[in-house]
C-alpha atoms as a PDB file:
ATOM      1  CA  MET A   1      -8.532  78.660 -35.970  1.00  0.00           C
ATOM      2  CA  ASN A   2     -11.269  77.430 -33.635  1.00  0.00           C
ATOM      3  CA  TRP A   3     -11.452  80.858 -32.019  1.00  0.00           C
ATOM      4  CA  VAL A   4     -11.607  82.587 -35.425  1.00  0.00           C
ATOM      5  CA  GLY A   5     -14.374  80.259 -36.591  1.00  0.00           C
ATOM      6  CA  ASP A   6     -16.404  80.894 -33.469  1.00  0.00           C
ATOM      7  CA  HIS A   7     -16.069  84.690 -33.800  1.00  0.00           C
ATOM      8  CA  ILE A   8     -16.091  85.235 -37.566  1.00  0.00           C
ATOM      9  CA  GLY A   9     -19.295  87.286 -37.390  1.00  0.00           C
ATOM     10  CA  ASP A  10     -17.861  89.571 -34.706  1.00  0.00           C
ATOM     11  CA  LEU A  11     -14.609  89.990 -36.640  1.00  0.00           C
ATOM     12  CA  LEU A  12     -16.412  91.033 -39.814  1.00  0.00           C
ATOM     13  CA  SER A  13     -18.786  93.386 -38.009  1.00  0.00           C
ATOM     14  CA  VAL A  14     -16.013  95.102 -36.068  1.00  0.00           C
ATOM     15  CA  SER A  15     -13.912  95.338 -39.244  1.00  0.00           C
ATOM     16  CA  LEU A  16     -16.689  97.357 -40.881  1.00  0.00           C
ATOM     17  CA  ASP A  17     -16.867  99.623 -37.833  1.00  0.00           C
ATOM     18  CA  HIS A  18     -13.086 100.004 -38.020  1.00  0.00           C
ATOM     19  CA  LEU A  19     -13.287 101.126 -41.651  1.00  0.00           C
ATOM     20  CA  ARG A  20     -16.073 103.577 -40.868  1.00  0.00           C
ATOM     21  CA  LEU A  21     -14.046 105.142 -38.074  1.00  0.00           C
ATOM     22  CA  ALA A  22     -10.927 105.355 -40.242  1.00  0.00           C
ATOM     23  CA  LEU A  23     -12.237 106.433 -43.658  1.00  0.00           C
ATOM     24  CA  ALA A  24     -14.844 109.067 -42.813  1.00  0.00           C
ATOM     25  CA  PRO A  25     -12.086 111.345 -41.430  1.00  0.00           C
ATOM     26  CA  VAL A  26     -10.112 110.874 -44.666  1.00  0.00           C
ATOM     27  CA  LEU A  27     -12.998 112.258 -46.709  1.00  0.00           C
ATOM     28  CA  VAL A  28     -13.694 115.135 -44.328  1.00  0.00           C
ATOM     29  CA  GLY A  29      -9.989 115.880 -43.981  1.00  0.00           C
ATOM     30  CA  LEU A  30      -9.549 115.948 -47.756  1.00  0.00           C
ATOM     31  CA  LEU A  31     -12.400 118.431 -48.163  1.00  0.00           C
ATOM     32  CA  LEU A  32     -10.891 120.653 -45.472  1.00  0.00           C
ATOM     33  CA  SER A  33      -7.357 120.337 -46.829  1.00  0.00           C
ATOM     34  CA  LEU A  34      -8.131 121.363 -50.410  1.00  0.00           C
ATOM     35  CA  PRO A  35      -8.795 125.060 -49.688  1.00  0.00           C
ATOM     36  CA  LEU A  36      -5.979 125.151 -47.124  1.00  0.00           C
ATOM     37  CA  GLY A  37      -3.503 123.575 -49.547  1.00  0.00           C
ATOM     38  CA  TRP A  38      -4.662 125.916 -52.310  1.00  0.00           C
ATOM     39  CA  ALA A  39      -4.108 128.933 -50.029  1.00  0.00           C
ATOM     40  CA  ALA A  40      -0.683 127.628 -48.980  1.00  0.00           C
ATOM     41  CA  ASN A  41       0.299 127.353 -52.632  1.00  0.00           C
ATOM     42  CA  ARG A  42      -1.119 130.722 -53.635  1.00  0.00           C
ATOM     43  CA  TRP A  43       0.245 132.962 -50.874  1.00  0.00           C
ATOM     44  CA  ARG A  44       3.679 132.736 -49.228  1.00  0.00           C
ATOM     45  CA  LEU A  45       2.370 133.986 -45.893  1.00  0.00           C
ATOM     46  CA  ALA A  46      -0.332 131.315 -45.863  1.00  0.00           C
ATOM     47  CA  ARG A  47       2.248 128.622 -46.616  1.00  0.00           C
ATOM     48  CA  ALA A  48       4.566 129.950 -43.920  1.00  0.00           C
ATOM     49  CA  ILE A  49       1.740 129.517 -41.399  1.00  0.00           C
ATOM     50  CA  LEU A  50      -0.279 126.520 -42.604  1.00  0.00           C
ATOM     51  CA  VAL A  51       2.505 124.068 -43.447  1.00  0.00           C
ATOM     52  CA  PRO A  52       4.417 124.360 -40.129  1.00  0.00           C
ATOM     53  CA  VAL A  53       1.168 124.333 -38.113  1.00  0.00           C
ATOM     54  CA  SER A  54      -0.068 121.211 -39.903  1.00  0.00           C
ATOM     55  CA  GLY A  55       3.261 119.520 -39.266  1.00  0.00           C
ATOM     56  CA  LEU A  56       3.042 120.465 -35.594  1.00  0.00           C
ATOM     57  CA  LEU A  57      -0.465 118.999 -35.321  1.00  0.00           C
ATOM     58  CA  TYR A  58       0.783 115.635 -36.588  1.00  0.00           C
ATOM     59  CA  THR A  59       3.331 115.455 -33.768  1.00  0.00           C
ATOM     60  CA  ILE A  60       0.580 115.382 -31.105  1.00  0.00           C
ATOM     61  CA  PRO A  61       0.413 111.822 -29.672  1.00  0.00           C
ATOM     62  CA  SER A  62      -2.763 110.103 -30.805  1.00  0.00           C
ATOM     63  CA  LEU A  63      -3.841 109.008 -27.321  1.00  0.00           C
ATOM     64  CA  ALA A  64      -3.456 112.551 -26.004  1.00  0.00           C
ATOM     65  CA  LEU A  65      -5.547 113.910 -28.872  1.00  0.00           C
ATOM     66  CA  PHE A  66      -8.251 111.270 -28.351  1.00  0.00           C
ATOM     67  CA  VAL A  67      -8.490 112.227 -24.668  1.00  0.00           C
ATOM     68  CA  MET A  68      -8.550 115.962 -25.448  1.00  0.00           C
ATOM     69  CA  MET A  69     -11.399 115.750 -27.958  1.00  0.00           C
ATOM     70  CA  PRO A  70     -14.258 115.403 -25.420  1.00  0.00           C
ATOM     71  CA  LEU A  71     -12.997 118.603 -23.761  1.00  0.00           C
ATOM     72  CA  ILE A  72     -12.831 120.416 -27.106  1.00  0.00           C
ATOM     73  CA  LEU A  73     -16.070 119.097 -28.620  1.00  0.00           C
ATOM     74  CA  GLY A  74     -18.128 118.713 -25.455  1.00  0.00           C
ATOM     75  CA  THR A  75     -18.842 115.052 -26.256  1.00  0.00           C
ATOM     76  CA  GLN A  76     -18.894 111.967 -24.056  1.00  0.00           C
ATOM     77  CA  ILE A  77     -15.652 110.040 -23.693  1.00  0.00           C
ATOM     78  CA  LEU A  78     -17.108 107.002 -25.522  1.00  0.00           C
ATOM     79  CA  ASP A  79     -18.499 109.003 -28.445  1.00  0.00           C
ATOM     80  CA  PRO A  80     -16.959 107.722 -31.732  1.00  0.00           C
ATOM     81  CA  LEU A  81     -16.881 111.346 -32.895  1.00  0.00           C
ATOM     82  CA  ASN A  82     -13.843 111.872 -30.644  1.00  0.00           C
ATOM     83  CA  VAL A  83     -11.757 109.385 -32.602  1.00  0.00           C
ATOM     84  CA  GLN A  84     -13.058 110.576 -35.966  1.00  0.00           C
ATOM     85  CA  ALA A  85     -12.385 114.228 -35.141  1.00  0.00           C
ATOM     86  CA  ALA A  86      -8.833 113.425 -34.010  1.00  0.00           C
ATOM     87  CA  LEU A  87      -8.179 111.423 -37.178  1.00  0.00           C
ATOM     88  CA  THR A  88      -9.562 114.293 -39.252  1.00  0.00           C
ATOM     89  CA  VAL A  89      -6.960 116.544 -37.648  1.00  0.00           C
ATOM     90  CA  TYR A  90      -4.217 114.078 -38.581  1.00  0.00           C
ATOM     91  CA  THR A  91      -5.551 113.807 -42.131  1.00  0.00           C
ATOM     92  CA  VAL A  92      -5.511 117.586 -42.569  1.00  0.00           C
ATOM     93  CA  ALA A  93      -2.017 117.693 -41.083  1.00  0.00           C
ATOM     94  CA  LEU A  94      -0.807 115.181 -43.675  1.00  0.00           C
ATOM     95  CA  LEU A  95      -2.611 116.564 -46.703  1.00  0.00           C
ATOM     96  CA  VAL A  96      -2.071 120.329 -46.467  1.00  0.00           C
ATOM     97  CA  ARG A  97       1.606 120.056 -47.400  1.00  0.00           C
ATOM     98  CA  SER A  98       0.915 117.345 -50.004  1.00  0.00           C
ATOM     99  CA  ILE A  99      -1.719 119.479 -51.745  1.00  0.00           C
ATOM    100  CA  ALA A 100       0.409 122.620 -51.611  1.00  0.00           C
ATOM    101  CA  ASP A 101       3.426 120.782 -53.052  1.00  0.00           C
ATOM    102  CA  ALA A 102       1.299 119.066 -55.702  1.00  0.00           C
ATOM    103  CA  LEU A 103      -0.191 122.369 -56.872  1.00  0.00           C
ATOM    104  CA  ALA A 104       3.221 124.027 -56.847  1.00  0.00           C
ATOM    105  CA  ALA A 105       4.481 121.304 -59.191  1.00  0.00           C
ATOM    106  CA  VAL A 106       1.942 122.186 -61.909  1.00  0.00           C
ATOM    107  CA  PRO A 107       4.010 123.787 -64.723  1.00  0.00           C
ATOM    108  CA  ALA A 108       3.678 127.557 -64.910  1.00  0.00           C
ATOM    109  CA  PRO A 109       3.205 127.497 -68.734  1.00  0.00           C
ATOM    110  CA  VAL A 110       0.147 125.268 -68.278  1.00  0.00           C
ATOM    111  CA  ILE A 111      -1.376 127.705 -65.802  1.00  0.00           C
ATOM    112  CA  ALA A 112      -0.577 130.623 -68.110  1.00  0.00           C
ATOM    113  CA  ALA A 113      -2.183 128.813 -71.064  1.00  0.00           C
ATOM    114  CA  ALA A 114      -5.333 128.087 -69.051  1.00  0.00           C
ATOM    115  CA  THR A 115      -5.531 131.722 -67.998  1.00  0.00           C
ATOM    116  CA  ALA A 116      -5.103 132.832 -71.612  1.00  0.00           C
ATOM    117  CA  MET A 117      -7.981 130.542 -72.585  1.00  0.00           C
ATOM    118  CA  GLY A 118     -10.257 132.469 -70.217  1.00  0.00           C
ATOM    119  CA  TYR A 119     -10.218 130.309 -67.082  1.00  0.00           C
ATOM    120  CA  ARG A 120     -10.769 132.221 -63.878  1.00  0.00           C
ATOM    121  CA  ALA A 121      -8.949 131.183 -60.703  1.00  0.00           C
ATOM    122  CA  ALA A 122     -11.648 128.805 -59.421  1.00  0.00           C
ATOM    123  CA  GLY A 123     -12.345 127.225 -62.813  1.00  0.00           C
ATOM    124  CA  ARG A 124      -8.634 126.840 -63.525  1.00  0.00           C
ATOM    125  CA  PHE A 125      -8.122 125.152 -60.175  1.00  0.00           C
ATOM    126  CA  PHE A 126     -10.779 122.479 -60.731  1.00  0.00           C
ATOM    127  CA  ALA A 127     -10.309 122.000 -64.482  1.00  0.00           C
ATOM    128  CA  VAL A 128      -6.528 122.215 -64.799  1.00  0.00           C
ATOM    129  CA  GLU A 129      -4.485 122.426 -61.595  1.00  0.00           C
ATOM    130  CA  LEU A 130      -6.296 119.832 -59.488  1.00  0.00           C
ATOM    131  CA  PRO A 131      -6.325 117.093 -62.183  1.00  0.00           C
ATOM    132  CA  LEU A 132      -2.598 117.591 -62.836  1.00  0.00           C
ATOM    133  CA  ALA A 133      -1.905 117.490 -59.100  1.00  0.00           C
ATOM    134  CA  ALA A 134      -4.015 114.336 -58.647  1.00  0.00           C
ATOM    135  CA  PRO A 135      -1.156 111.755 -58.622  1.00  0.00           C
ATOM    136  CA  VAL A 136       0.597 113.457 -55.713  1.00  0.00           C
ATOM    137  CA  LEU A 137      -2.738 114.116 -54.012  1.00  0.00           C
ATOM    138  CA  VAL A 138      -3.788 110.469 -54.273  1.00  0.00           C
ATOM    139  CA  ALA A 139      -0.447 109.418 -52.798  1.00  0.00           C
ATOM    140  CA  GLY A 140      -1.105 111.663 -49.817  1.00  0.00           C
ATOM    141  CA  VAL A 141      -4.617 110.284 -49.381  1.00  0.00           C
ATOM    142  CA  ARG A 142      -3.228 106.743 -49.424  1.00  0.00           C
ATOM    143  CA  VAL A 143      -0.802 107.593 -46.626  1.00  0.00           C
ATOM    144  CA  ALA A 144      -3.571 109.243 -44.604  1.00  0.00           C
ATOM    145  CA  ALA A 145      -5.956 106.302 -45.061  1.00  0.00           C
ATOM    146  CA  VAL A 146      -3.395 103.677 -44.036  1.00  0.00           C
ATOM    147  CA  SER A 147      -2.289 105.804 -41.097  1.00  0.00           C
ATOM    148  CA  ASN A 148      -5.881 106.213 -39.913  1.00  0.00           C
ATOM    149  CA  ILE A 149      -6.574 102.484 -40.139  1.00  0.00           C
ATOM    150  CA  SER A 150      -3.626 101.928 -37.841  1.00  0.00           C
ATOM    151  CA  LEU A 151      -4.457 104.752 -35.418  1.00  0.00           C
ATOM    152  CA  VAL A 152      -8.097 103.715 -34.952  1.00  0.00           C
ATOM    153  CA  ALA A 153      -6.900 100.750 -32.898  1.00  0.00           C
ATOM    154  CA  VAL A 154      -5.323 103.138 -30.376  1.00  0.00           C
ATOM    155  CA  GLY A 155      -8.774 104.559 -29.720  1.00  0.00           C
ATOM    156  CA  GLN A 156      -9.737 101.346 -27.963  1.00  0.00           C
ATOM    157  CA  ILE A 157      -7.809 102.597 -24.949  1.00  0.00           C
ATOM    158  CA  ILE A 158     -10.638 105.127 -24.452  1.00  0.00           C
ATOM    159  CA  GLY A 159     -13.274 102.569 -25.447  1.00  0.00           C
ATOM    160  CA  VAL A 160     -13.681 103.296 -29.186  1.00  0.00           C
ATOM    161  CA  GLY A 161     -11.278 101.470 -31.431  1.00  0.00           C
ATOM    162  CA  GLY A 162     -12.775  98.966 -33.842  1.00  0.00           C
ATOM    163  CA  LEU A 163     -10.390  96.055 -34.169  1.00  0.00           C
ATOM    164  CA  GLY A 164      -8.347  97.454 -31.313  1.00  0.00           C
ATOM    165  CA  TYR A 165     -10.915  95.751 -29.070  1.00  0.00           C
ATOM    166  CA  PHE A 166      -9.467  92.349 -29.939  1.00  0.00           C
ATOM    167  CA  LEU A 167      -5.935  93.565 -29.203  1.00  0.00           C
ATOM    168  CA  LEU A 168      -6.797  95.010 -25.802  1.00  0.00           C
ATOM    169  CA  HIS A 169      -9.229  92.273 -24.772  1.00  0.00           C
ATOM    170  CA  GLY A 170      -6.902  89.546 -25.966  1.00  0.00           C
ATOM    171  CA  ALA A 171      -4.012  90.986 -23.955  1.00  0.00           C
ATOM    172  CA  GLN A 172      -5.865  90.606 -20.668  1.00  0.00           C
ATOM    173  CA  SER A 173      -4.718  87.830 -18.360  1.00  0.00           C
ATOM    174  CA  PRO A 174      -4.570  85.116 -19.456  1.00  0.00           C
ATOM    175  CA  PRO A 175      -3.635  86.399 -22.957  1.00  0.00           C
ATOM    176  CA  ASN A 176      -5.690  85.125 -25.877  1.00  0.00           C
ATOM    177  CA  TYR A 177      -3.134  84.993 -28.686  1.00  0.00           C
ATOM    178  CA  PRO A 178      -5.546  83.926 -31.461  1.00  0.00           C
ATOM    179  CA  GLU A 179      -7.668  86.985 -30.636  1.00  0.00           C
ATOM    180  CA  ILE A 180      -4.651  89.306 -30.702  1.00  0.00           C
ATOM    181  CA  ILE A 181      -3.279  87.847 -33.930  1.00  0.00           C
ATOM    182  CA  SER A 182      -6.699  88.042 -35.601  1.00  0.00           C
ATOM    183  CA  GLY A 183      -6.973  91.734 -34.748  1.00  0.00           C
ATOM    184  CA  VAL A 184      -3.474  92.506 -36.025  1.00  0.00           C
ATOM    185  CA  VAL A 185      -3.938  90.535 -39.242  1.00  0.00           C
ATOM    186  CA  LEU A 186      -7.271  92.170 -40.016  1.00  0.00           C
ATOM    187  CA  ILE A 187      -5.842  95.662 -39.470  1.00  0.00           C
ATOM    188  CA  VAL A 188      -3.014  94.877 -41.896  1.00  0.00           C
ATOM    189  CA  VAL A 189      -5.422  93.364 -44.421  1.00  0.00           C
ATOM    190  CA  LEU A 190      -7.729  96.383 -44.269  1.00  0.00           C
ATOM    191  CA  ALA A 191      -4.778  98.747 -44.730  1.00  0.00           C
ATOM    192  CA  LEU A 192      -3.507  96.812 -47.757  1.00  0.00           C
ATOM    193  CA  LEU A 193      -6.997  96.557 -49.248  1.00  0.00           C
ATOM    194  CA  ILE A 194      -7.782 100.271 -48.941  1.00  0.00           C
ATOM    195  CA  ASP A 195      -4.327 101.252 -50.177  1.00  0.00           C
ATOM    196  CA  GLY A 196      -4.751  99.009 -53.208  1.00  0.00           C
ATOM    197  CA  LEU A 197      -8.224 100.372 -53.969  1.00  0.00           C
ATOM    198  CA  LEU A 198      -6.996 103.972 -53.721  1.00  0.00           C
ATOM    199  CA  ALA A 199      -4.017 103.198 -55.939  1.00  0.00           C
ATOM    200  CA  PHE A 200      -6.337 101.654 -58.523  1.00  0.00           C
ATOM    201  CA  ALA A 201      -8.729 104.613 -58.332  1.00  0.00           C
ATOM    202  CA  GLY A 202      -5.803 106.995 -58.745  1.00  0.00           C
ATOM    203  CA  SER A 203      -4.595 105.189 -61.846  1.00  0.00           C
ATOM    204  CA  ARG A 204      -8.095 105.347 -63.349  1.00  0.00           C
ATOM    205  CA  LEU A 205      -8.377 109.066 -62.608  1.00  0.00           C
ATOM    206  CA  THR A 206      -4.959 109.875 -64.077  1.00  0.00           C
ATOM    207  CA  PRO A 207      -4.496 107.743 -67.208  1.00  0.00           C
ATOM    208  CA  TRP A 208      -1.829 110.135 -68.523  1.00  0.00           C
ATOM    209  CA  ALA A 209       0.378 109.231 -65.555  1.00  0.00           C
ATOM    210  CA  ARG A 210       0.362 105.600 -66.747  1.00  0.00           C
ATOM    211  CA  VAL A 211       0.968 106.105 -70.464  1.00  0.00           C
ATOM    212  CA  GLY A 212       3.280 109.102 -70.294  1.00  0.00           C
ATOM    213  CA  PRO A 213       6.598 107.343 -69.614  1.00  0.00           C
ATOM    214  CA  LYS A 214       5.853 104.566 -72.142  1.00  0.00           C
ATOM    215  CA  ALA A 215       4.916 107.048 -74.817  1.00  0.00           C
ATOM    216  CA  GLY A 216       8.145 108.966 -74.125  1.00  0.00           C
ATOM    217  CA  ALA A 217      10.176 105.753 -74.378  1.00  0.00           C
ATOM    218  CA  ARG A 218       8.624 104.884 -77.778  1.00  0.00           C
ATOM    219  CA  ARG A 219       9.476 108.295 -79.148  1.00  0.00           C
END
């Protein structure tokens, strides 16, 4: 506890950096995944290509991808963009299938009714399909966010890793166990906090998902 008290400012500051590194790729990855998931749901050929490729991307070891990014982007090895770009790739890899499956689960009669009401493809997607797919989409975003918060720490091996600094620095001889434990605990706390906030936001955005089963039980 003495070590934590002496370094509380550093722990809080690095925690904010950790969140910035982890969450910015979630937002960018979501924006990139929406059109890809829509295409995968709309055309069989697109799904046959995009879903397997996204799954293959997620199998790339994180450290290997972090090291490859400077070669791909032309950045310096210590540029935080390397970690964020790699995590964006992982986010897209996770969300393309989730979005495609979520859109495929929208009932065909609902889509037909929206079309009959005059909705064009783009308007129907944003006004009807995307809101109905939101529960599954939010679940995918939660997985991506928690995964990114964990993977950011690996980036410390190349010098950019938020709370991973305390894990790597604390493991040096002689090991500083309070430093290591503090880093681990904060990573877990951040993951739980962001997951809880996303779950709450999802429930606010989809009130019908909360009241539907209860209403059915009353009837």
